[in-house]
PDB file of N, CA and C in Angstrom:
ATOM      1  N   MET A   1      -5.643   9.256  -1.476  1.00  0.00           N
ATOM      2  CA  MET A   1      -6.793   8.539  -1.964  1.00  0.00           C
ATOM      3  C   MET A   1      -6.385   7.079  -2.213  1.00  0.00           C
ATOM      4  N   PRO A   2      -7.096   6.147  -1.631  1.00  0.00           N
ATOM      5  CA  PRO A   2      -6.734   4.739  -1.837  1.00  0.00           C
ATOM      6  C   PRO A   2      -7.059   4.283  -3.256  1.00  0.00           C
ATOM      7  N   GLU A   3      -6.342   3.266  -3.681  1.00  0.00           N
ATOM      8  CA  GLU A   3      -6.654   2.617  -4.949  1.00  0.00           C
ATOM      9  C   GLU A   3      -7.505   1.404  -4.603  1.00  0.00           C
ATOM     10  N   LEU A   4      -8.591   1.228  -5.348  1.00  0.00           N
ATOM     11  CA  LEU A   4      -9.532   0.154  -5.059  1.00  0.00           C
ATOM     12  C   LEU A   4      -9.584  -0.830  -6.215  1.00  0.00           C
ATOM     13  N   ARG A   5      -9.823  -2.092  -5.888  1.00  0.00           N
ATOM     14  CA  ARG A   5      -9.960  -3.115  -6.917  1.00  0.00           C
ATOM     15  C   ARG A   5     -10.960  -4.157  -6.422  1.00  0.00           C
ATOM     16  N   GLU A   6     -11.770  -4.629  -7.329  1.00  0.00           N
ATOM     17  CA  GLU A   6     -12.721  -5.700  -7.023  1.00  0.00           C
ATOM     18  C   GLU A   6     -12.222  -6.993  -7.643  1.00  0.00           C
ATOM     19  N   HIS A   7     -12.388  -8.079  -6.916  1.00  0.00           N
ATOM     20  CA  HIS A   7     -12.006  -9.401  -7.434  1.00  0.00           C
ATOM     21  C   HIS A   7     -12.958 -10.427  -6.836  1.00  0.00           C
ATOM     22  N   ALA A   8     -13.640 -11.151  -7.704  1.00  0.00           N
ATOM     23  CA  ALA A   8     -14.551 -12.221  -7.290  1.00  0.00           C
ATOM     24  C   ALA A   8     -15.568 -11.739  -6.251  1.00  0.00           C
ATOM     25  N   GLY A   9     -16.074 -10.540  -6.451  1.00  0.00           N
ATOM     26  CA  GLY A   9     -17.111 -10.006  -5.575  1.00  0.00           C
ATOM     27  C   GLY A   9     -16.612  -9.381  -4.284  1.00  0.00           C
ATOM     28  N   ARG A  10     -15.320  -9.380  -4.059  1.00  0.00           N
ATOM     29  CA  ARG A  10     -14.749  -8.749  -2.861  1.00  0.00           C
ATOM     30  C   ARG A  10     -13.980  -7.515  -3.290  1.00  0.00           C
ATOM     31  N   HIS A  11     -13.910  -6.553  -2.406  1.00  0.00           N
ATOM     32  CA  HIS A  11     -13.225  -5.298  -2.705  1.00  0.00           C
ATOM     33  C   HIS A  11     -11.961  -5.194  -1.853  1.00  0.00           C
ATOM     34  N   TYR A  12     -10.900  -4.701  -2.487  1.00  0.00           N
ATOM     35  CA  TYR A  12      -9.611  -4.542  -1.820  1.00  0.00           C
ATOM     36  C   TYR A  12      -9.128  -3.111  -2.011  1.00  0.00           C
ATOM     37  N   ALA A  13      -8.298  -2.665  -1.080  1.00  0.00           N
ATOM     38  CA  ALA A  13      -7.758  -1.305  -1.154  1.00  0.00           C
ATOM     39  C   ALA A  13      -6.258  -1.340  -0.912  1.00  0.00           C
ATOM     40  N   VAL A  14      -5.563  -0.484  -1.650  1.00  0.00           N
ATOM     41  CA  VAL A  14      -4.139  -0.236  -1.413  1.00  0.00           C
ATOM     42  C   VAL A  14      -4.021   1.251  -1.129  1.00  0.00           C
ATOM     43  N   GLN A  15      -3.332   1.566  -0.050  1.00  0.00           N
ATOM     44  CA  GLN A  15      -3.073   2.976   0.234  1.00  0.00           C
ATOM     45  C   GLN A  15      -1.637   3.155   0.685  1.00  0.00           C
ATOM     46  N   PHE A  16      -1.143   4.357   0.438  1.00  0.00           N
ATOM     47  CA  PHE A  16       0.244   4.721   0.724  1.00  0.00           C
ATOM     48  C   PHE A  16       0.256   5.767   1.832  1.00  0.00           C
ATOM     49  N   HIS A  17       1.220   5.659   2.729  1.00  0.00           N
ATOM     50  CA  HIS A  17       1.437   6.734   3.702  1.00  0.00           C
ATOM     51  C   HIS A  17       2.898   6.709   4.138  1.00  0.00           C
ATOM     52  N   TYR A  18       3.335   7.830   4.658  1.00  0.00           N
ATOM     53  CA  TYR A  18       4.718   7.928   5.110  1.00  0.00           C
ATOM     54  C   TYR A  18       4.763   7.735   6.620  1.00  0.00           C
ATOM     55  N   ALA A  19       5.634   6.842   7.078  1.00  0.00           N
ATOM     56  CA  ALA A  19       5.833   6.594   8.511  1.00  0.00           C
ATOM     57  C   ALA A  19       7.093   7.337   8.944  1.00  0.00           C
ATOM     58  N   LEU A  20       6.904   8.510   9.485  1.00  0.00           N
ATOM     59  CA  LEU A  20       8.025   9.366   9.863  1.00  0.00           C
ATOM     60  C   LEU A  20       8.994   8.696  10.836  1.00  0.00           C
ATOM     61  N   PRO A  21       8.514   7.996  11.867  1.00  0.00           N
ATOM     62  CA  PRO A  21       9.483   7.374  12.792  1.00  0.00           C
ATOM     63  C   PRO A  21      10.386   6.344  12.121  1.00  0.00           C
ATOM     64  N   ASP A  22       9.895   5.720  11.051  1.00  0.00           N
ATOM     65  CA  ASP A  22      10.678   4.699  10.351  1.00  0.00           C
ATOM     66  C   ASP A  22      11.430   5.246   9.148  1.00  0.00           C
ATOM     67  N   ASP A  23      11.213   6.528   8.809  1.00  0.00           N
ATOM     68  CA  ASP A  23      11.776   7.093   7.573  1.00  0.00           C
ATOM     69  C   ASP A  23      11.484   6.154   6.410  1.00  0.00           C
ATOM     70  N   ALA A  24      10.204   5.802   6.260  1.00  0.00           N
ATOM     71  CA  ALA A  24       9.835   4.825   5.244  1.00  0.00           C
ATOM     72  C   ALA A  24       8.417   5.072   4.735  1.00  0.00           C
ATOM     73  N   TRP A  25       8.221   4.691   3.486  1.00  0.00           N
ATOM     74  CA  TRP A  25       6.880   4.673   2.913  1.00  0.00           C
ATOM     75  C   TRP A  25       6.248   3.341   3.251  1.00  0.00           C
ATOM     76  N   CYS A  26       4.961   3.361   3.521  1.00  0.00           N
ATOM     77  CA  CYS A  26       4.212   2.137   3.774  1.00  0.00           C
ATOM     78  C   CYS A  26       3.150   1.986   2.695  1.00  0.00           C
ATOM     79  N   VAL A  27       3.046   0.785   2.184  1.00  0.00           N
ATOM     80  CA  VAL A  27       2.012   0.445   1.222  1.00  0.00           C
ATOM     81  C   VAL A  27       1.164  -0.622   1.907  1.00  0.00           C
ATOM     82  N   GLU A  28      -0.115  -0.318   2.096  1.00  0.00           N
ATOM     83  CA  GLU A  28      -0.987  -1.200   2.861  1.00  0.00           C
ATOM     84  C   GLU A  28      -2.035  -1.856   1.965  1.00  0.00           C
ATOM     85  N   LEU A  29      -2.272  -3.145   2.197  1.00  0.00           N
ATOM     86  CA  LEU A  29      -3.343  -3.867   1.526  1.00  0.00           C
ATOM     87  C   LEU A  29      -4.391  -4.226   2.560  1.00  0.00           C
ATOM     88  N   SER A  30      -5.644  -3.927   2.230  1.00  0.00           N
ATOM     89  CA  SER A  30      -6.744  -4.276   3.124  1.00  0.00           C
ATOM     90  C   SER A  30      -7.948  -4.693   2.297  1.00  0.00           C
ATOM     91  N   GLU A  31      -8.885  -5.328   2.960  1.00  0.00           N
ATOM     92  CA  GLU A  31     -10.170  -5.557   2.318  1.00  0.00           C
ATOM     93  C   GLU A  31     -10.956  -4.272   2.495  1.00  0.00           C
ATOM     94  N   ALA A  32     -11.522  -3.785   1.417  1.00  0.00           N
ATOM     95  CA  ALA A  32     -12.260  -2.524   1.480  1.00  0.00           C
ATOM     96  C   ALA A  32     -13.640  -2.766   2.093  1.00  0.00           C
ATOM     97  N   VAL A  33     -14.120  -1.779   2.809  1.00  0.00           N
ATOM     98  CA  VAL A  33     -15.432  -1.847   3.445  1.00  0.00           C
ATOM     99  C   VAL A  33     -16.339  -0.799   2.801  1.00  0.00           C
ATOM    100  N   PRO A  34     -17.636  -1.055   2.788  1.00  0.00           N
ATOM    101  CA  PRO A  34     -18.536  -0.061   2.189  1.00  0.00           C
ATOM    102  C   PRO A  34     -18.455   1.284   2.899  1.00  0.00           C
ATOM    103  N   ALA A  35     -18.521   2.340   2.121  1.00  0.00           N
ATOM    104  CA  ALA A  35     -18.576   3.693   2.690  1.00  0.00           C
ATOM    105  C   ALA A  35     -19.935   3.865   3.369  1.00  0.00           C
ATOM    106  N   PRO A  36     -20.016   4.778   4.322  1.00  0.00           N
ATOM    107  CA  PRO A  36     -21.313   5.007   4.984  1.00  0.00           C
ATOM    108  C   PRO A  36     -22.402   5.357   3.968  1.00  0.00           C
ATOM    109  N   ALA A  37     -23.597   4.844   4.209  1.00  0.00           N
ATOM    110  CA  ALA A  37     -24.724   5.100   3.302  1.00  0.00           C
ATOM    111  C   ALA A  37     -25.007   6.593   3.170  1.00  0.00           C
ATOM    112  N   SER A  38     -24.726   7.357   4.207  1.00  0.00           N
ATOM    113  CA  SER A  38     -24.979   8.800   4.167  1.00  0.00           C
ATOM    114  C   SER A  38     -24.101   9.512   3.134  1.00  0.00           C
ATOM    115  N   TRP A  39     -23.038   8.866   2.668  1.00  0.00           N
ATOM    116  CA  TRP A  39     -22.157   9.464   1.674  1.00  0.00           C
ATOM    117  C   TRP A  39     -22.697   9.323   0.256  1.00  0.00           C
ATOM    118  N   ALA A  40     -23.730   8.516   0.073  1.00  0.00           N
ATOM    119  CA  ALA A  40     -24.233   8.209  -1.268  1.00  0.00           C
ATOM    120  C   ALA A  40     -24.652   9.453  -2.046  1.00  0.00           C
ATOM    121  N   GLU A  41     -25.102  10.483  -1.359  1.00  0.00           N
ATOM    122  CA  GLU A  41     -25.573  11.696  -2.031  1.00  0.00           C
ATOM    123  C   GLU A  41     -24.448  12.685  -2.337  1.00  0.00           C
ATOM    124  N   ILE A  42     -23.248  12.412  -1.857  1.00  0.00           N
ATOM    125  CA  ILE A  42     -22.121  13.323  -2.049  1.00  0.00           C
ATOM    126  C   ILE A  42     -21.460  13.020  -3.387  1.00  0.00           C
ATOM    127  N   PRO A  43     -21.342  14.017  -4.268  1.00  0.00           N
ATOM    128  CA  PRO A  43     -20.710  13.770  -5.580  1.00  0.00           C
ATOM    129  C   PRO A  43     -19.250  13.325  -5.451  1.00  0.00           C
ATOM    130  N   ASN A  44     -18.827  12.470  -6.357  1.00  0.00           N
ATOM    131  CA  ASN A  44     -17.442  11.987  -6.459  1.00  0.00           C
ATOM    132  C   ASN A  44     -16.966  11.235  -5.218  1.00  0.00           C
ATOM    133  N   THR A  45     -17.872  10.640  -4.485  1.00  0.00           N
ATOM    134  CA  THR A  45     -17.503   9.884  -3.299  1.00  0.00           C
ATOM    135  C   THR A  45     -17.242   8.430  -3.675  1.00  0.00           C
ATOM    136  N   VAL A  46     -16.230   7.844  -3.079  1.00  0.00           N
ATOM    137  CA  VAL A  46     -15.914   6.442  -3.351  1.00  0.00           C
ATOM    138  C   VAL A  46     -16.912   5.540  -2.630  1.00  0.00           C
ATOM    139  N   PRO A  47     -17.267   4.412  -3.239  1.00  0.00           N
ATOM    140  CA  PRO A  47     -18.234   3.521  -2.600  1.00  0.00           C
ATOM    141  C   PRO A  47     -17.629   2.632  -1.513  1.00  0.00           C
ATOM    142  N   HIS A  48     -16.297   2.539  -1.490  1.00  0.00           N
ATOM    143  CA  HIS A  48     -15.619   1.711  -0.487  1.00  0.00           C
ATOM    144  C   HIS A  48     -14.432   2.471   0.096  1.00  0.00           C
ATOM    145  N   LEU A  49     -14.098   2.107   1.324  1.00  0.00           N
ATOM    146  CA  LEU A  49     -12.964   2.689   2.046  1.00  0.00           C
ATOM    147  C   LEU A  49     -12.028   1.569   2.487  1.00  0.00           C
ATOM    148  N   PRO A  50     -10.753   1.868   2.682  1.00  0.00           N
ATOM    149  CA  PRO A  50      -9.845   0.829   3.177  1.00  0.00           C
ATOM    150  C   PRO A  50     -10.276   0.349   4.558  1.00  0.00           C
ATOM    151  N   GLY A  51     -10.154  -0.938   4.771  1.00  0.00           N
ATOM    152  CA  GLY A  51     -10.374  -1.507   6.095  1.00  0.00           C
ATOM    153  C   GLY A  51      -9.040  -1.575   6.822  1.00  0.00           C
ATOM    154  N   ALA A  52      -8.988  -2.427   7.831  1.00  0.00           N
ATOM    155  CA  ALA A  52      -7.730  -2.610   8.575  1.00  0.00           C
ATOM    156  C   ALA A  52      -6.725  -3.334   7.684  1.00  0.00           C
ATOM    157  N   ALA A  53      -5.519  -2.807   7.608  1.00  0.00           N
ATOM    158  CA  ALA A  53      -4.476  -3.394   6.757  1.00  0.00           C
ATOM    159  C   ALA A  53      -4.074  -4.763   7.287  1.00  0.00           C
ATOM    160  N   PHE A  54      -3.942  -5.732   6.364  1.00  0.00           N
ATOM    161  CA  PHE A  54      -3.432  -7.035   6.768  1.00  0.00           C
ATOM    162  C   PHE A  54      -2.069  -7.340   6.157  1.00  0.00           C
ATOM    163  N   LEU A  55      -1.655  -6.574   5.150  1.00  0.00           N
ATOM    164  CA  LEU A  55      -0.285  -6.626   4.640  1.00  0.00           C
ATOM    165  C   LEU A  55       0.232  -5.204   4.553  1.00  0.00           C
ATOM    166  N   VAL A  56       1.448  -4.994   5.043  1.00  0.00           N
ATOM    167  CA  VAL A  56       2.059  -3.669   4.981  1.00  0.00           C
ATOM    168  C   VAL A  56       3.493  -3.828   4.487  1.00  0.00           C
ATOM    169  N   ALA A  57       3.780  -3.216   3.353  1.00  0.00           N
ATOM    170  CA  ALA A  57       5.154  -3.183   2.854  1.00  0.00           C
ATOM    171  C   ALA A  57       5.783  -1.902   3.383  1.00  0.00           C
ATOM    172  N   VAL A  58       6.971  -2.022   3.944  1.00  0.00           N
ATOM    173  CA  VAL A  58       7.707  -0.881   4.488  1.00  0.00           C
ATOM    174  C   VAL A  58       8.923  -0.665   3.606  1.00  0.00           C
ATOM    175  N   ILE A  59       8.999   0.532   3.023  1.00  0.00           N
ATOM    176  CA  ILE A  59      10.043   0.846   2.051  1.00  0.00           C
ATOM    177  C   ILE A  59      10.871   2.021   2.565  1.00  0.00           C
ATOM    178  N   PRO A  60      12.031   1.739   3.158  1.00  0.00           N
ATOM    179  CA  PRO A  60      12.888   2.820   3.659  1.00  0.00           C
ATOM    180  C   PRO A  60      13.341   3.723   2.514  1.00  0.00           C
ATOM    181  N   ASP A  61      13.327   5.028   2.748  1.00  0.00           N
ATOM    182  CA  ASP A  61      13.756   5.949   1.685  1.00  0.00           C
ATOM    183  C   ASP A  61      14.882   6.874   2.119  1.00  0.00           C
ATOM    184  N   GLU A  62      15.476   6.606   3.272  1.00  0.00           N
ATOM    185  CA  GLU A  62      16.588   7.429   3.748  1.00  0.00           C
ATOM    186  C   GLU A  62      17.901   6.657   3.803  1.00  0.00           C
ATOM    187  N   ASP A  63      17.835   5.349   3.992  1.00  0.00           N
ATOM    188  CA  ASP A  63      19.026   4.522   4.152  1.00  0.00           C
ATOM    189  C   ASP A  63      19.049   3.461   3.054  1.00  0.00           C
ATOM    190  N   PRO A  64      19.958   3.575   2.084  1.00  0.00           N
ATOM    191  CA  PRO A  64      19.990   2.621   0.974  1.00  0.00           C
ATOM    192  C   PRO A  64      20.372   1.201   1.401  1.00  0.00           C
ATOM    193  N   ASP A  65      20.892   1.029   2.610  1.00  0.00           N
ATOM    194  CA  ASP A  65      21.268  -0.296   3.078  1.00  0.00           C
ATOM    195  C   ASP A  65      20.087  -1.083   3.645  1.00  0.00           C
ATOM    196  N   LEU A  66      18.986  -0.405   3.926  1.00  0.00           N
ATOM    197  CA  LEU A  66      17.811  -1.088   4.462  1.00  0.00           C
ATOM    198  C   LEU A  66      16.948  -1.605   3.314  1.00  0.00           C
ATOM    199  N   GLU A  67      16.530  -2.850   3.425  1.00  0.00           N
ATOM    200  CA  GLU A  67      15.710  -3.475   2.392  1.00  0.00           C
ATOM    201  C   GLU A  67      14.229  -3.261   2.678  1.00  0.00           C
ATOM    202  N   PRO A  68      13.419  -3.189   1.629  1.00  0.00           N
ATOM    203  CA  PRO A  68      11.968  -3.189   1.833  1.00  0.00           C
ATOM    204  C   PRO A  68      11.548  -4.522   2.462  1.00  0.00           C
ATOM    205  N   THR A  69      10.528  -4.472   3.282  1.00  0.00           N
ATOM    206  CA  THR A  69      10.007  -5.674   3.934  1.00  0.00           C
ATOM    207  C   THR A  69       8.490  -5.676   3.842  1.00  0.00           C
ATOM    208  N   VAL A  70       7.907  -6.853   3.983  1.00  0.00           N
ATOM    209  CA  VAL A  70       6.451  -6.983   4.022  1.00  0.00           C
ATOM    210  C   VAL A  70       6.084  -7.562   5.375  1.00  0.00           C
ATOM    211  N   HIS A  71       5.164  -6.895   6.050  1.00  0.00           N
ATOM    212  CA  HIS A  71       4.713  -7.310   7.378  1.00  0.00           C
ATOM    213  C   HIS A  71       3.276  -7.817   7.281  1.00  0.00           C
ATOM    214  N   ILE A  72       2.996  -8.890   7.993  1.00  0.00           N
ATOM    215  CA  ILE A  72       1.641  -9.439   8.039  1.00  0.00           C
ATOM    216  C   ILE A  72       1.017  -8.987   9.350  1.00  0.00           C
ATOM    217  N   HIS A  73      -0.120  -8.301   9.249  1.00  0.00           N
ATOM    218  CA  HIS A  73      -0.834  -7.789  10.419  1.00  0.00           C
ATOM    219  C   HIS A  73      -2.227  -8.396  10.433  1.00  0.00           C
ATOM    220  N   SER A  74      -2.383  -9.516  11.109  1.00  0.00           N
ATOM    221  CA  SER A  74      -3.690 -10.135  11.121  1.00  0.00           C
ATOM    222  C   SER A  74      -3.798 -11.144  12.251  1.00  0.00           C
ATOM    223  N   HIS A  75      -4.939 -11.126  12.894  1.00  0.00           N
ATOM    224  CA  HIS A  75      -5.229 -12.157  13.889  1.00  0.00           C
ATOM    225  C   HIS A  75      -6.066 -13.251  13.248  1.00  0.00           C
ATOM    226  N   ASP A  76      -6.720 -12.908  12.136  1.00  0.00           N
ATOM    227  CA  ASP A  76      -7.548 -13.849  11.408  1.00  0.00           C
ATOM    228  C   ASP A  76      -6.831 -14.291  10.146  1.00  0.00           C
ATOM    229  N   GLU A  77      -7.254 -15.413   9.609  1.00  0.00           N
ATOM    230  CA  GLU A  77      -6.704 -15.873   8.346  1.00  0.00           C
ATOM    231  C   GLU A  77      -7.307 -15.061   7.208  1.00  0.00           C
ATOM    232  N   HIS A  78      -6.468 -14.620   6.298  1.00  0.00           N
ATOM    233  CA  HIS A  78      -6.922 -13.908   5.107  1.00  0.00           C
ATOM    234  C   HIS A  78      -6.446 -14.686   3.897  1.00  0.00           C
ATOM    235  N   ILE A  79      -7.356 -14.951   3.001  1.00  0.00           N
ATOM    236  CA  ILE A  79      -6.996 -15.572   1.736  1.00  0.00           C
ATOM    237  C   ILE A  79      -6.901 -14.450   0.727  1.00  0.00           C
ATOM    238  N   ILE A  80      -5.724 -14.302   0.144  1.00  0.00           N
ATOM    239  CA  ILE A  80      -5.489 -13.223  -0.812  1.00  0.00           C
ATOM    240  C   ILE A  80      -5.401 -13.844  -2.202  1.00  0.00           C
ATOM    241  N   PRO A  81      -6.333 -13.503  -3.073  1.00  0.00           N
ATOM    242  CA  PRO A  81      -6.265 -14.047  -4.431  1.00  0.00           C
ATOM    243  C   PRO A  81      -4.960 -13.642  -5.118  1.00  0.00           C
ATOM    244  N   TYR A  82      -4.484 -14.515  -5.975  1.00  0.00           N
ATOM    245  CA  TYR A  82      -3.233 -14.298  -6.678  1.00  0.00           C
ATOM    246  C   TYR A  82      -3.215 -12.953  -7.403  1.00  0.00           C
ATOM    247  N   GLU A  83      -4.277 -12.606  -8.119  1.00  0.00           N
ATOM    248  CA  GLU A  83      -4.324 -11.343  -8.867  1.00  0.00           C
ATOM    249  C   GLU A  83      -4.232 -10.136  -7.934  1.00  0.00           C
ATOM    250  N   ILE A  84      -4.824 -10.234  -6.760  1.00  0.00           N
ATOM    251  CA  ILE A  84      -4.753  -9.126  -5.796  1.00  0.00           C
ATOM    252  C   ILE A  84      -3.340  -9.030  -5.230  1.00  0.00           C
ATOM    253  N   MET A  85      -2.719 -10.167  -4.959  1.00  0.00           N
ATOM    254  CA  MET A  85      -1.338 -10.150  -4.455  1.00  0.00           C
ATOM    255  C   MET A  85      -0.402  -9.569  -5.503  1.00  0.00           C
ATOM    256  N   ARG A  86      -0.589  -9.925  -6.766  1.00  0.00           N
ATOM    257  CA  ARG A  86       0.236  -9.349  -7.840  1.00  0.00           C
ATOM    258  C   ARG A  86       0.042  -7.842  -7.914  1.00  0.00           C
ATOM    259  N   TRP A  87      -1.209  -7.398  -7.850  1.00  0.00           N
ATOM    260  CA  TRP A  87      -1.524  -5.964  -7.889  1.00  0.00           C
ATOM    261  C   TRP A  87      -0.823  -5.240  -6.741  1.00  0.00           C
ATOM    262  N   PHE A  88      -0.925  -5.807  -5.529  1.00  0.00           N
ATOM    263  CA  PHE A  88      -0.280  -5.208  -4.362  1.00  0.00           C
ATOM    264  C   PHE A  88       1.234  -5.134  -4.566  1.00  0.00           C
ATOM    265  N   MET A  89       1.844  -6.232  -5.001  1.00  0.00           N
ATOM    266  CA  MET A  89       3.295  -6.254  -5.174  1.00  0.00           C
ATOM    267  C   MET A  89       3.743  -5.329  -6.299  1.00  0.00           C
ATOM    268  N   GLU A  90       2.910  -5.129  -7.325  1.00  0.00           N
ATOM    269  CA  GLU A  90       3.229  -4.140  -8.358  1.00  0.00           C
ATOM    270  C   GLU A  90       3.249  -2.733  -7.767  1.00  0.00           C
ATOM    271  N   GLN A  91       2.317  -2.457  -6.873  1.00  0.00           N
ATOM    272  CA  GLN A  91       2.291  -1.162  -6.197  1.00  0.00           C
ATOM    273  C   GLN A  91       3.540  -0.984  -5.330  1.00  0.00           C
ATOM    274  N   VAL A  92       3.919  -2.058  -4.630  1.00  0.00           N
ATOM    275  CA  VAL A  92       5.124  -2.024  -3.785  1.00  0.00           C
ATOM    276  C   VAL A  92       6.359  -1.801  -4.652  1.00  0.00           C
ATOM    277  N   ALA A  93       6.477  -2.555  -5.747  1.00  0.00           N
ATOM    278  CA  ALA A  93       7.639  -2.424  -6.632  1.00  0.00           C
ATOM    279  C   ALA A  93       7.735  -1.012  -7.197  1.00  0.00           C
ATOM    280  N   GLY A  94       6.610  -0.422  -7.552  1.00  0.00           N
ATOM    281  CA  GLY A  94       6.611   0.950  -8.052  1.00  0.00           C
ATOM    282  C   GLY A  94       7.103   1.933  -7.006  1.00  0.00           C
ATOM    283  N   GLN A  95       6.694   1.736  -5.749  1.00  0.00           N
ATOM    284  CA  GLN A  95       7.133   2.627  -4.681  1.00  0.00           C
ATOM    285  C   GLN A  95       8.617   2.446  -4.401  1.00  0.00           C
ATOM    286  N   VAL A  96       9.104   1.206  -4.455  1.00  0.00           N
ATOM    287  CA  VAL A  96      10.539   0.947  -4.271  1.00  0.00           C
ATOM    288  C   VAL A  96      11.328   1.693  -5.351  1.00  0.00           C
ATOM    289  N   GLU A  97      10.878   1.609  -6.594  1.00  0.00           N
ATOM    290  CA  GLU A  97      11.568   2.302  -7.695  1.00  0.00           C
ATOM    291  C   GLU A  97      11.573   3.809  -7.486  1.00  0.00           C
ATOM    292  N   ARG A  98      10.433   4.370  -7.063  1.00  0.00           N
ATOM    293  CA  ARG A  98      10.371   5.824  -6.827  1.00  0.00           C
ATOM    294  C   ARG A  98      11.317   6.242  -5.703  1.00  0.00           C
ATOM    295  N   CYS A  99      11.363   5.460  -4.634  1.00  0.00           N
ATOM    296  CA  CYS A  99      12.246   5.797  -3.512  1.00  0.00           C
ATOM    297  C   CYS A  99      13.713   5.704  -3.920  1.00  0.00           C
ATOM    298  N   ARG A 100      14.062   4.672  -4.654  1.00  0.00           N
ATOM    299  CA  ARG A 100      15.459   4.507  -5.088  1.00  0.00           C
ATOM    300  C   ARG A 100      15.861   5.586  -6.083  1.00  0.00           C
ATOM    301  N   ALA A 101      14.945   5.961  -6.964  1.00  0.00           N
ATOM    302  CA  ALA A 101      15.245   7.023  -7.928  1.00  0.00           C
ATOM    303  C   ALA A 101      15.460   8.352  -7.210  1.00  0.00           C
ATOM    304  N   ALA A 102      14.633   8.634  -6.214  1.00  0.00           N
ATOM    305  CA  ALA A 102      14.779   9.880  -5.457  1.00  0.00           C
ATOM    306  C   ALA A 102      16.094   9.881  -4.681  1.00  0.00           C
ATOM    307  N   LEU A 103      16.435   8.737  -4.088  1.00  0.00           N
ATOM    308  CA  LEU A 103      17.685   8.645  -3.346  1.00  0.00           C
ATOM    309  C   LEU A 103      18.878   8.797  -4.281  1.00  0.00           C
ATOM    310  N   ALA A 104      18.796   8.218  -5.474  1.00  0.00           N
ATOM    311  CA  ALA A 104      19.889   8.322  -6.452  1.00  0.00           C
ATOM    312  C   ALA A 104      20.084   9.763  -6.906  1.00  0.00           C
ATOM    313  N   GLN A 105      19.005  10.529  -6.990  1.00  0.00           N
ATOM    314  CA  GLN A 105      19.134  11.938  -7.369  1.00  0.00           C
ATOM    315  C   GLN A 105      19.840  12.728  -6.277  1.00  0.00           C
ATOM    316  N   GLU A 106      19.532  12.397  -5.029  1.00  0.00           N
ATOM    317  CA  GLU A 106      20.155  13.098  -3.911  1.00  0.00           C
ATOM    318  C   GLU A 106      21.624  12.715  -3.738  1.00  0.00           C
ATOM    319  N   ASP A 107      21.898  11.406  -3.893  1.00  0.00           N
ATOM    320  CA  ASP A 107      23.257  10.896  -3.695  1.00  0.00           C
ATOM    321  C   ASP A 107      23.490   9.738  -4.663  1.00  0.00           C
ATOM    322  N   PRO A 108      24.013   9.993  -5.851  1.00  0.00           N
ATOM    323  CA  PRO A 108      24.178   8.945  -6.867  1.00  0.00           C
ATOM    324  C   PRO A 108      25.018   7.760  -6.402  1.00  0.00           C
ATOM    325  N   GLU A 109      25.913   7.938  -5.451  1.00  0.00           N
ATOM    326  CA  GLU A 109      26.742   6.836  -4.976  1.00  0.00           C
ATOM    327  C   GLU A 109      26.035   5.976  -3.934  1.00  0.00           C
ATOM    328  N   ALA A 110      24.899   6.468  -3.401  1.00  0.00           N
ATOM    329  CA  ALA A 110      24.209   5.734  -2.332  1.00  0.00           C
ATOM    330  C   ALA A 110      23.480   4.498  -2.841  1.00  0.00           C
ATOM    331  N   VAL A 111      22.985   4.535  -4.064  1.00  0.00           N
ATOM    332  CA  VAL A 111      22.227   3.419  -4.610  1.00  0.00           C
ATOM    333  C   VAL A 111      23.109   2.676  -5.592  1.00  0.00           C
ATOM    334  N   GLY A 112      23.355   1.402  -5.288  1.00  0.00           N
ATOM    335  CA  GLY A 112      24.271   0.639  -6.114  1.00  0.00           C
ATOM    336  C   GLY A 112      23.626  -0.203  -7.055  1.00  0.00           C
TER     337      GLY A 112
END
């Protein structure tokens, strides 16, 4: 389930997924788009869905020597408000901590 936030009348979404080929968690930031009008009658339905990601943080969780990175995926210019960027980076930092903690439990010497 994506996390949604509104800022200055625009909606943004952060969602997490695992990229198996990269052995990494991805945290994506996108501008949220309205959910289909036909969903309005469905209980507990979100009013917005993630759009196409324009920032993707890749957080490796198998190799402690690989650093997290942020990738920009956009053909258009996106202006990201400071508060939204902070929110996104807080989500990324939280995922980095979870991955490092899990790796430390598996191999305490792997995380320095």
